[in-house]
């Protein structure tokens, strides 16, 4: 039997989801639970430079930036947002800096 990853969310992700609209938020949450809950390495891609150690998942025009804790079998979702002007990556960088994610 394959392991199931536990999903944790940064406190600000609730506001991120509200900002993208109810319909998109439901789609993103469903994708997070099904894909990242099952195999976050298979479905996400690693980020580089200032966000090395984090990964991204694309859901339409929305990006989910997350970190894996392999020993604890956890996925920590850092930020959810539109990619426009790399805003989602800037937000992830700010949250990583403040939280030492």
Protein backbone atom coordinates (compact mmCIF):
# COMPACT_ATOMS: atom_id res chain seq x y z
CA UNK A 1 0.00 0.00 0.00
CA UNK A 2 1.34 3.42 -0.91
CA UNK A 3 1.82 6.08 1.72
CA UNK A 4 -0.58 9.01 1.89
CA UNK A 5 0.99 12.43 2.43
CA UNK A 6 -0.42 14.69 5.14
CA UNK A 7 -1.20 18.20 3.83
CA UNK A 8 -0.49 21.27 6.01
CA UNK A 9 -1.17 24.89 5.02
CA UNK A 10 0.52 28.18 5.83
CA UNK A 11 -2.00 30.39 7.71
CA UNK A 12 -2.08 32.92 4.84
CA UNK A 13 -3.20 30.30 2.29
CA UNK A 14 -6.81 30.86 3.38
CA UNK A 15 -6.59 34.46 2.10
CA UNK A 16 -4.80 33.26 -1.04
CA UNK A 17 -7.69 30.94 -1.83
CA UNK A 18 -10.29 33.65 -1.18
CA UNK A 19 -8.49 35.94 -3.62
CA UNK A 20 -8.73 33.49 -6.54
CA UNK A 21 -12.47 32.93 -6.21
CA UNK A 22 -14.60 30.13 -4.85
CA UNK A 23 -14.69 27.95 -7.98
CA UNK A 24 -10.93 28.09 -8.59
CA UNK A 25 -10.24 27.58 -4.89
CA UNK A 26 -12.32 24.37 -4.86
CA UNK A 27 -10.47 23.10 -7.93
CA UNK A 28 -7.08 23.93 -6.40
CA UNK A 29 -7.92 22.26 -3.07
CA UNK A 30 -9.17 19.13 -4.84
CA UNK A 31 -5.98 18.98 -6.91
CA UNK A 32 -3.81 19.48 -3.82
CA UNK A 33 -5.58 16.66 -1.98
CA UNK A 34 -5.54 14.22 -4.90
CA UNK A 35 -2.15 14.89 -6.48
CA UNK A 36 0.00 16.15 -3.62
CA UNK A 37 -1.66 13.83 -1.13
CA UNK A 38 -0.77 10.86 -3.31
CA UNK A 39 2.66 11.68 -4.78
CA UNK A 40 3.94 15.28 -4.46
CA UNK A 41 7.23 14.50 -6.19
CA UNK A 42 5.53 13.08 -9.26
CA UNK A 43 3.13 15.95 -9.85
CA UNK A 44 5.17 18.98 -8.75
CA UNK A 45 8.36 20.48 -10.13
CA UNK A 46 11.30 21.76 -8.09
CA UNK A 47 11.98 25.48 -7.90
CA UNK A 48 15.47 26.97 -8.04
CA UNK A 49 17.49 30.01 -6.97
CA UNK A 50 15.95 31.78 -3.96
CA UNK A 51 13.20 29.16 -3.67
CA UNK A 52 15.40 26.08 -3.87
CA UNK A 53 13.97 23.35 -1.67
CA UNK A 54 10.41 24.28 -2.61
CA UNK A 55 8.28 22.83 -5.38
CA UNK A 56 5.43 24.11 -7.53
CA UNK A 57 2.25 22.55 -8.84
CA UNK A 58 0.40 24.13 -11.75
CA UNK A 59 -3.41 24.13 -11.65
CA UNK A 60 -4.48 26.08 -14.75
CA UNK A 61 -3.15 29.61 -14.28
CA UNK A 62 -2.76 29.07 -10.53
CA UNK A 63 0.48 27.98 -8.86
CA UNK A 64 0.77 26.09 -5.60
CA UNK A 65 4.18 26.45 -3.94
CA UNK A 66 4.97 23.81 -1.34
CA UNK A 67 7.71 22.08 0.64
CA UNK A 68 8.12 18.37 1.31
CA UNK A 69 8.99 16.90 4.69
CA UNK A 70 9.86 13.37 3.61
CA UNK A 71 10.64 11.98 7.06
CA UNK A 72 7.25 13.09 8.39
CA UNK A 73 5.42 12.38 5.10
CA UNK A 74 4.10 15.96 5.02
CA UNK A 75 3.43 18.52 2.34
CA UNK A 76 3.48 22.12 3.58
CA UNK A 77 1.65 24.47 1.19
CA UNK A 78 3.33 27.87 1.39
CA UNK A 79 1.32 29.95 -1.10
CA UNK A 80 -1.42 29.66 -3.72
CA UNK A 81 -1.89 32.31 -6.40
CA UNK A 82 -1.77 33.46 -9.97
CA UNK A 83 1.59 33.45 -11.66
CA UNK A 84 1.09 36.97 -13.08
CA UNK A 85 4.30 38.99 -12.78
CA UNK A 86 5.75 36.20 -10.60
CA UNK A 87 3.66 37.52 -7.68
CA UNK A 88 3.12 34.02 -6.30
CA UNK A 89 6.87 33.39 -6.20
CA UNK A 90 7.54 36.76 -4.54
CA UNK A 91 4.93 35.92 -1.91
CA UNK A 92 6.51 32.49 -1.38
CA UNK A 93 9.92 34.10 -0.96
CA UNK A 94 8.55 36.55 1.62
CA UNK A 95 6.80 33.78 3.58
CA UNK A 96 9.90 31.60 3.51
CA UNK A 97 12.05 34.48 4.77
CA UNK A 98 9.64 35.33 7.61
CA UNK A 99 8.81 31.79 8.65
CA UNK A 100 12.10 30.03 7.86
CA UNK A 101 10.00 27.46 6.01
